[in-house]
Amino acid sequence: MDLINVALDKGQKALSEYESKQLLNAYGIPITKEALATSPEDAVSAAETIGYPVALKACSPQLMHKSESGVIELGIKDQSGVKSAFQKISGLVNSDLDGILVQEMISGQRELVMGLNRDPQFGPCVMFGLGGILTEVLNDTAFRVAPIDEIDALDMISEIRSRAILEAFRGQAPADQKTLCSSLIALAEIGLKYESIAEIDVNPMMIIPDGRVVAVDALVIMSS
């Protein structure tokens, strides 16, 4: 894709969140409704199109851990809130910004993680597991070496200890396992096609109450 070539030409160590999710979207992985804004007016226009409430995030290839940098504002409900959040985030960032990402707020209690790692011995490997803040704590993940097919993807999904959250849960619909499988297969395809990509982290991949799954945050790291 052009965005990968552009990133390589610029010497970027990673894609921005917006760029990362554009890559995922091109391979059929569902992402949040979002737009990149470069002014408070742009941000308001994007929020009006997406629908409130929205989240605003600083967007730059240099910002790999935004939550730790305090450059995210959540649950913004009106124009004045968008303008205020835009100005606040802009004032906190020292590095060059691509813009401020305006993103729909996704509700859901179930968070998954999926991704790609390039192993020195085996090459691109796909990962699936329990997401959110519990990813590193519980380490409930499954791995496969790319390429993978639907059977491999289903096996990965069934291997995690917390797989019960994929079923009907507290009045919420079961997770769309077909989309989860196609997303895992797509990550494997990306890893095989682009040797310049070292790692992809999709966390969280949220299960919303009607069962659909959507990538809320994503990071693509380039090979050094």
Protein backbone atom coordinates (compact mmCIF):
# COMPACT_ATOMS: atom_id res chain seq x y z
CA MET A 1 0.00 0.00 0.00
CA ASP A 2 1.08 3.57 -0.61
CA LEU A 3 0.90 4.47 3.08
CA ILE A 4 3.48 1.79 3.90
CA ASN A 5 5.82 3.00 1.16
CA VAL A 6 5.38 6.59 2.31
CA ALA A 7 6.11 5.58 5.92
CA LEU A 8 9.27 3.76 4.83
CA ASP A 9 10.40 6.72 2.75
CA LYS A 10 9.96 8.98 5.79
CA GLY A 11 11.88 6.58 8.01
CA GLN A 12 8.91 6.07 10.34
CA LYS A 13 9.28 3.43 13.03
CA ALA A 14 5.52 2.91 13.07
CA LEU A 15 2.30 3.91 11.39
CA SER A 16 0.03 6.32 13.21
CA GLU A 17 -3.20 4.90 14.64
CA TYR A 18 -5.13 6.38 11.73
CA GLU A 19 -2.72 4.87 9.18
CA SER A 20 -2.68 1.54 11.00
CA LYS A 21 -6.45 1.28 10.90
CA GLN A 22 -6.58 2.32 7.27
CA LEU A 23 -4.35 -0.68 6.54
CA LEU A 24 -6.62 -2.97 8.53
CA ASN A 25 -9.70 -1.60 6.80
CA ALA A 26 -8.16 -2.24 3.38
CA TYR A 27 -7.97 -5.93 4.32
CA GLY A 28 -11.56 -6.13 5.55
CA ILE A 29 -10.89 -5.83 9.27
CA PRO A 30 -13.69 -3.69 10.79
CA ILE A 31 -12.56 -0.41 12.37
CA THR A 32 -14.24 2.45 14.20
CA LYS A 33 -15.86 5.36 12.37
CA GLU A 34 -13.23 8.07 12.51
CA ALA A 35 -11.66 11.04 10.78
CA LEU A 36 -8.40 12.94 11.05
CA ALA A 37 -8.86 16.61 11.92
CA THR A 38 -6.27 19.39 11.66
CA SER A 39 -8.32 22.19 13.22
CA PRO A 40 -11.04 22.53 15.88
CA GLU A 41 -13.54 23.24 13.09
CA ASP A 42 -12.53 20.05 11.27
CA ALA A 43 -12.93 18.12 14.50
CA VAL A 44 -16.43 19.49 15.11
CA SER A 45 -17.45 18.67 11.55
CA ALA A 46 -16.13 15.12 11.94
CA ALA A 47 -17.91 14.66 15.27
CA GLU A 48 -21.20 15.89 13.77
CA THR A 49 -20.85 13.37 10.94
CA ILE A 50 -19.85 10.47 13.17
CA GLY A 51 -22.37 11.27 15.90
CA TYR A 52 -21.83 11.98 19.59
CA PRO A 53 -20.33 10.89 21.88
CA VAL A 54 -16.84 10.83 20.38
CA ALA A 55 -13.25 10.36 21.49
CA LEU A 56 -10.35 12.59 20.48
CA LYS A 57 -6.79 11.25 20.27
CA ALA A 58 -3.48 12.78 19.27
CA CYS A 59 -2.35 11.09 16.05
CA SER A 60 1.31 10.73 15.14
CA PRO A 61 3.68 7.87 14.24
CA GLN A 62 5.78 8.96 17.24
CA LEU A 63 2.92 8.38 19.69
CA MET A 64 2.84 4.64 20.22
CA HIS A 65 1.42 4.72 23.77
CA LYS A 66 -1.17 7.48 23.81
CA SER A 67 -2.97 6.50 27.01
CA GLU A 68 0.27 6.91 28.96
CA SER A 69 0.82 10.36 27.43
CA GLY A 70 -2.56 11.77 28.47
CA VAL A 71 -3.47 12.73 24.91
CA ILE A 72 -6.88 11.01 24.78
CA GLU A 73 -10.23 12.59 25.67
CA LEU A 74 -13.23 10.27 25.91
CA GLY A 75 -17.01 10.64 25.93
CA ILE A 76 -17.20 14.11 24.40
CA LYS A 77 -20.85 15.04 23.91
CA ASP A 78 -20.99 18.40 22.13
CA GLN A 79 -19.22 20.96 19.94
CA SER A 80 -17.73 22.94 22.78
CA GLY A 81 -16.31 19.75 24.27
CA VAL A 82 -14.72 18.83 20.97
CA LYS A 83 -13.09 22.26 20.58
CA SER A 84 -11.83 22.22 24.17
CA ALA A 85 -10.42 18.69 23.83
CA PHE A 86 -8.75 19.56 20.52
CA GLN A 87 -6.96 22.55 22.07
CA LYS A 88 -5.98 20.61 25.19
CA ILE A 89 -4.49 17.68 23.26
CA SER A 90 -2.68 19.96 20.82
CA GLY A 91 -1.04 21.77 23.73
CA LEU A 92 0.22 18.56 25.32
CA VAL A 93 2.07 17.13 22.33
CA ASN A 94 5.67 18.07 21.62
CA SER A 95 6.15 15.92 18.51
CA ASP A 96 4.74 16.71 15.09
CA LEU A 97 1.10 15.73 14.79
CA ASP A 98 -0.62 14.30 11.74
CA GLY A 99 -3.75 15.70 13.34
CA ILE A 100 -6.29 14.84 16.00
CA LEU A 101 -8.25 11.63 15.47
CA VAL A 102 -11.99 12.00 16.02
CA GLN A 103 -13.47 8.58 16.71
CA GLU A 104 -16.83 7.13 17.63
CA MET A 105 -17.20 5.90 21.18
CA ILE A 106 -17.66 2.14 21.23
CA SER A 107 -19.55 0.59 24.13
CA GLY A 108 -18.93 -2.96 25.23
CA GLN A 109 -17.64 -5.00 28.17
CA ARG A 110 -15.79 -7.63 26.16
CA GLU A 111 -12.34 -6.82 24.81
CA LEU A 112 -10.14 -9.02 22.64
CA VAL A 113 -6.66 -8.62 21.20
CA MET A 114 -5.27 -9.84 17.91
CA GLY A 115 -2.04 -9.14 16.17
CA LEU A 116 1.01 -10.17 14.24
CA ASN A 117 4.62 -10.74 15.27
CA ARG A 118 7.53 -11.55 12.97
CA ASP A 119 9.50 -14.37 14.57
CA PRO A 120 13.17 -14.69 13.49
CA GLN A 121 12.76 -18.42 12.96
CA PHE A 122 9.14 -18.93 11.89
CA GLY A 123 8.35 -15.63 10.20
CA PRO A 124 4.97 -13.90 10.61
CA CYS A 125 2.87 -15.36 13.43
CA VAL A 126 -0.73 -14.43 14.20
CA MET A 127 -1.97 -13.94 17.77
CA PHE A 128 -5.46 -13.91 19.33
CA GLY A 129 -6.54 -13.57 22.92
CA LEU A 130 -8.20 -11.69 25.76
CA GLY A 131 -7.68 -7.96 25.27
CA GLY A 132 -7.76 -4.63 27.04
CA ILE A 133 -5.75 -4.01 30.20
CA LEU A 134 -5.83 -7.74 31.02
CA THR A 135 -3.78 -8.80 27.98
CA GLU A 136 -0.41 -8.78 29.73
CA VAL A 137 -1.77 -9.77 33.15
CA LEU A 138 -3.62 -12.95 32.17
CA ASN A 139 -1.59 -13.84 29.05
CA ASP A 140 -4.55 -15.73 27.58
CA THR A 141 -3.45 -15.99 23.94
CA ALA A 142 -3.12 -18.40 21.04
CA PHE A 143 -0.61 -18.28 18.16
CA ARG A 144 -0.30 -19.68 14.64
CA VAL A 145 2.37 -19.36 11.97
CA ALA A 146 1.12 -17.65 8.78
CA PRO A 147 -0.51 -18.46 6.46
CA ILE A 148 -3.65 -19.60 8.24
CA ASP A 149 -7.08 -20.69 7.03
CA GLU A 150 -10.53 -20.62 8.62
CA ILE A 151 -9.96 -23.89 10.48
CA ASP A 152 -6.75 -22.53 11.99
CA ALA A 153 -8.52 -19.32 13.00
CA LEU A 154 -11.39 -21.22 14.63
CA ASP A 155 -8.89 -23.36 16.51
CA MET A 156 -7.17 -20.23 17.82
CA ILE A 157 -10.44 -18.79 19.02
CA SER A 158 -11.38 -22.01 20.80
CA GLU A 159 -7.98 -22.32 22.52
CA ILE A 160 -8.15 -19.29 24.79
CA ARG A 161 -9.20 -19.99 28.38
CA SER A 162 -11.64 -17.08 28.38
CA ARG A 163 -13.46 -18.21 25.22
CA ALA A 164 -16.79 -18.15 27.07
CA ILE A 165 -16.91 -14.36 26.58
CA LEU A 166 -17.44 -15.04 22.87
CA GLU A 167 -20.80 -16.62 23.66
CA ALA A 168 -24.00 -14.83 24.67
CA PHE A 169 -23.03 -12.71 27.67
CA ARG A 170 -25.30 -10.88 30.14
CA GLY A 171 -28.01 -10.27 27.57
CA GLN A 172 -25.52 -9.47 24.81
CA ALA A 173 -25.25 -11.39 21.54
CA PRO A 174 -22.49 -13.90 20.79
CA ALA A 175 -19.41 -12.48 19.09
CA ASP A 176 -19.29 -12.56 15.30
CA GLN A 177 -16.79 -15.38 15.04
CA LYS A 178 -16.86 -15.33 11.24
CA THR A 179 -15.47 -11.78 11.26
CA LEU A 180 -12.95 -12.68 13.95
CA CYS A 181 -11.69 -15.53 11.74
CA SER A 182 -11.52 -13.41 8.59
CA SER A 183 -9.63 -10.73 10.53
CA LEU A 184 -7.05 -13.22 11.77
CA ILE A 185 -6.60 -14.57 8.24
CA ALA A 186 -6.19 -10.99 6.97
CA LEU A 187 -3.47 -10.26 9.52
CA ALA A 188 -1.58 -13.32 8.31
CA GLU A 189 -1.91 -12.09 4.72
CA ILE A 190 -0.55 -8.68 5.65
CA GLY A 191 2.41 -10.26 7.39
CA LEU A 192 3.23 -12.42 4.40
CA LYS A 193 2.89 -9.57 1.91
CA TYR A 194 4.79 -6.84 3.76
CA GLU A 195 8.15 -7.92 5.14
CA SER A 196 8.64 -4.31 6.22
CA ILE A 197 6.01 -4.81 8.94
CA ALA A 198 7.47 -6.22 12.14
CA GLU A 199 4.41 -6.17 14.37
CA ILE A 200 0.70 -5.37 14.41
CA ASP A 201 -1.21 -4.84 17.64
CA VAL A 202 -5.01 -4.58 17.53
CA ASN A 203 -6.07 -3.90 21.12
CA PRO A 204 -8.83 -3.74 21.91
CA MET A 205 -10.88 -5.52 19.32
CA MET A 206 -14.19 -4.78 21.00
CA ILE A 207 -17.26 -7.01 20.99
CA ILE A 208 -20.23 -4.65 21.04
CA PRO A 209 -23.56 -5.77 22.55
CA ASP A 210 -25.09 -6.83 19.20
CA GLY A 211 -22.16 -9.19 18.60
CA ARG A 212 -20.26 -7.20 16.00
CA VAL A 213 -16.53 -6.79 16.50
CA VAL A 214 -14.55 -3.64 15.77
CA ALA A 215 -10.93 -2.58 16.08
CA VAL A 216 -10.90 0.37 18.49
CA ASP A 217 -7.13 0.89 18.53
CA ALA A 218 -4.29 -0.42 16.39
CA LEU A 219 -0.56 -0.02 15.98
CA VAL A 220 1.66 -1.17 13.09
CA ILE A 221 5.39 -1.23 13.84
CA MET A 222 7.87 -1.24 10.99
CA SER A 223 10.97 -3.45 10.81
CA SER A 224 14.14 -1.67 11.89
